[in-house]
Amino acid sequence: MTKRGWHLSALQKPAGLHMCITPAHSVEVIDRLVNDLKQCTNEVKAGAEGGEEGMAPMYGMAERLPDRNIVGDVLVAYQEATLDC
């Protein structure tokens, strides 16, 4: 969705997406969003490449950790490694 110009927030426990739609959004924009969501969903179901970009892998890994108490430590280590802290 990011490649299509949408910026959605991934959620965990339960898994989901956060979107803000306001009266300022036209019917055309909403139709484009729904169409893009359908297309992206079909691409993922078909096994399309490209899901390893952005924060998706980090969220996926954090979701599957059996000990949720270490999520913060893992995220700090990830940021330090990627941001050259």
C-alpha atoms as a PDB file:
ATOM      1  CA  MET A   1       0.000   0.000   0.000  1.00  0.00           C
ATOM      2  CA  THR A   2       2.929   2.353   0.660  1.00  0.00           C
ATOM      3  CA  LYS A   3       4.063   1.959  -2.947  1.00  0.00           C
ATOM      4  CA  ARG A   4       0.587   3.102  -3.966  1.00  0.00           C
ATOM      5  CA  GLY A   5       0.788   6.229  -1.806  1.00  0.00           C
ATOM      6  CA  TRP A   6      -1.137   5.009   1.236  1.00  0.00           C
ATOM      7  CA  HIS A   7       0.295   5.190   4.752  1.00  0.00           C
ATOM      8  CA  LEU A   8      -1.503   2.747   7.034  1.00  0.00           C
ATOM      9  CA  SER A   9      -0.543   1.817  10.587  1.00  0.00           C
ATOM     10  CA  ALA A  10      -0.141  -1.893  11.366  1.00  0.00           C
ATOM     11  CA  LEU A  11      -1.613  -3.091  14.654  1.00  0.00           C
ATOM     12  CA  GLN A  12      -0.993  -6.176  16.787  1.00  0.00           C
ATOM     13  CA  LYS A  13      -3.019  -8.149  19.312  1.00  0.00           C
ATOM     14  CA  PRO A  14      -5.242  -8.376  17.367  1.00  0.00           C
ATOM     15  CA  ALA A  15      -3.618  -7.922  13.974  1.00  0.00           C
ATOM     16  CA  GLY A  16      -5.146  -5.106  11.966  1.00  0.00           C
ATOM     17  CA  LEU A  17      -4.728  -1.824  10.119  1.00  0.00           C
ATOM     18  CA  HIS A  18      -5.494   1.659  11.374  1.00  0.00           C
ATOM     19  CA  MET A  19      -6.973   4.095   8.871  1.00  0.00           C
ATOM     20  CA  CYS A  20      -8.397   7.561   9.310  1.00  0.00           C
ATOM     21  CA  ILE A  21     -11.164   8.453   6.872  1.00  0.00           C
ATOM     22  CA  THR A  22     -12.780  11.839   7.248  1.00  0.00           C
ATOM     23  CA  PRO A  23     -15.482  13.822   5.449  1.00  0.00           C
ATOM     24  CA  ALA A  24     -12.651  15.574   3.582  1.00  0.00           C
ATOM     25  CA  HIS A  25     -12.012  12.367   1.609  1.00  0.00           C
ATOM     26  CA  SER A  26     -13.974  12.207  -1.619  1.00  0.00           C
ATOM     27  CA  VAL A  27     -15.864   9.155  -2.844  1.00  0.00           C
ATOM     28  CA  GLU A  28     -13.200   8.779  -5.539  1.00  0.00           C
ATOM     29  CA  VAL A  29     -10.429   8.608  -2.916  1.00  0.00           C
ATOM     30  CA  ILE A  30     -12.347   6.007  -0.899  1.00  0.00           C
ATOM     31  CA  ASP A  31     -13.007   3.969  -4.040  1.00  0.00           C
ATOM     32  CA  ARG A  32      -9.289   4.076  -4.897  1.00  0.00           C
ATOM     33  CA  LEU A  33      -8.373   2.979  -1.358  1.00  0.00           C
ATOM     34  CA  VAL A  34     -10.769   0.029  -1.457  1.00  0.00           C
ATOM     35  CA  ASN A  35      -9.565  -0.974  -4.931  1.00  0.00           C
ATOM     36  CA  ASP A  36      -5.896  -0.770  -3.867  1.00  0.00           C
ATOM     37  CA  LEU A  37      -6.625  -2.823  -0.731  1.00  0.00           C
ATOM     38  CA  LYS A  38      -8.307  -5.507  -2.854  1.00  0.00           C
ATOM     39  CA  GLN A  39      -5.418  -5.600  -5.326  1.00  0.00           C
ATOM     40  CA  CYS A  40      -2.765  -5.735  -2.600  1.00  0.00           C
ATOM     41  CA  THR A  41      -4.672  -8.448  -0.743  1.00  0.00           C
ATOM     42  CA  ASN A  42      -4.832 -10.524  -3.921  1.00  0.00           C
ATOM     43  CA  GLU A  43      -1.101 -10.009  -4.519  1.00  0.00           C
ATOM     44  CA  VAL A  44      -0.256 -11.181  -1.001  1.00  0.00           C
ATOM     45  CA  LYS A  45      -2.540 -14.202  -1.312  1.00  0.00           C
ATOM     46  CA  ALA A  46      -0.857 -15.068  -4.615  1.00  0.00           C
ATOM     47  CA  GLY A  47       2.553 -14.926  -2.930  1.00  0.00           C
ATOM     48  CA  ALA A  48       3.755 -11.716  -4.549  1.00  0.00           C
ATOM     49  CA  GLU A  49       7.235 -10.507  -3.648  1.00  0.00           C
ATOM     50  CA  GLY A  50       7.846  -7.288  -1.754  1.00  0.00           C
ATOM     51  CA  GLY A  51       6.386  -7.961   1.694  1.00  0.00           C
ATOM     52  CA  GLU A  52       9.816  -7.802   3.283  1.00  0.00           C
ATOM     53  CA  GLU A  53      10.135  -4.029   3.049  1.00  0.00           C
ATOM     54  CA  GLY A  54       9.527  -1.384   5.673  1.00  0.00           C
ATOM     55  CA  MET A  55       8.519  -2.412   9.178  1.00  0.00           C
ATOM     56  CA  ALA A  56       6.375  -5.412   8.160  1.00  0.00           C
ATOM     57  CA  PRO A  57       9.087  -7.989   8.947  1.00  0.00           C
ATOM     58  CA  MET A  58       9.739  -6.439  12.362  1.00  0.00           C
ATOM     59  CA  TYR A  59       6.040  -6.429  13.259  1.00  0.00           C
ATOM     60  CA  GLY A  60       5.700 -10.004  12.052  1.00  0.00           C
ATOM     61  CA  MET A  61       8.657 -11.141  14.132  1.00  0.00           C
ATOM     62  CA  ALA A  62       7.440  -9.299  17.239  1.00  0.00           C
ATOM     63  CA  GLU A  63       3.974 -10.820  16.851  1.00  0.00           C
ATOM     64  CA  ARG A  64       5.414 -14.346  16.947  1.00  0.00           C
ATOM     65  CA  LEU A  65       7.738 -13.994  19.934  1.00  0.00           C
ATOM     66  CA  PRO A  66       6.655 -16.392  22.686  1.00  0.00           C
ATOM     67  CA  ASP A  67       7.972 -14.014  25.377  1.00  0.00           C
ATOM     68  CA  ARG A  68       6.355 -10.635  24.689  1.00  0.00           C
ATOM     69  CA  ASN A  69       8.495  -9.033  27.399  1.00  0.00           C
ATOM     70  CA  ILE A  70      11.522  -8.943  25.098  1.00  0.00           C
ATOM     71  CA  VAL A  71       9.807  -7.070  22.251  1.00  0.00           C
ATOM     72  CA  GLY A  72      11.089  -3.715  23.518  1.00  0.00           C
ATOM     73  CA  ASP A  73      14.661  -5.019  23.767  1.00  0.00           C
ATOM     74  CA  VAL A  74      14.496  -6.438  20.242  1.00  0.00           C
ATOM     75  CA  LEU A  75      13.110  -3.178  18.834  1.00  0.00           C
ATOM     76  CA  VAL A  76      15.836  -1.114  20.538  1.00  0.00           C
ATOM     77  CA  ALA A  77      18.520  -3.445  19.147  1.00  0.00           C
ATOM     78  CA  TYR A  78      16.954  -3.185  15.682  1.00  0.00           C
ATOM     79  CA  GLN A  79      16.884   0.614  15.800  1.00  0.00           C
ATOM     80  CA  GLU A  80      20.456   0.802  17.017  1.00  0.00           C
ATOM     81  CA  ALA A  81      21.580  -1.488  14.198  1.00  0.00           C
ATOM     82  CA  THR A  82      19.682   0.347  11.457  1.00  0.00           C
ATOM     83  CA  LEU A  83      20.101   3.920  12.668  1.00  0.00           C
ATOM     84  CA  ASP A  84      23.807   3.672  13.508  1.00  0.00           C
ATOM     85  CA  CYS A  85      23.242   4.804  17.130  1.00  0.00           C
END
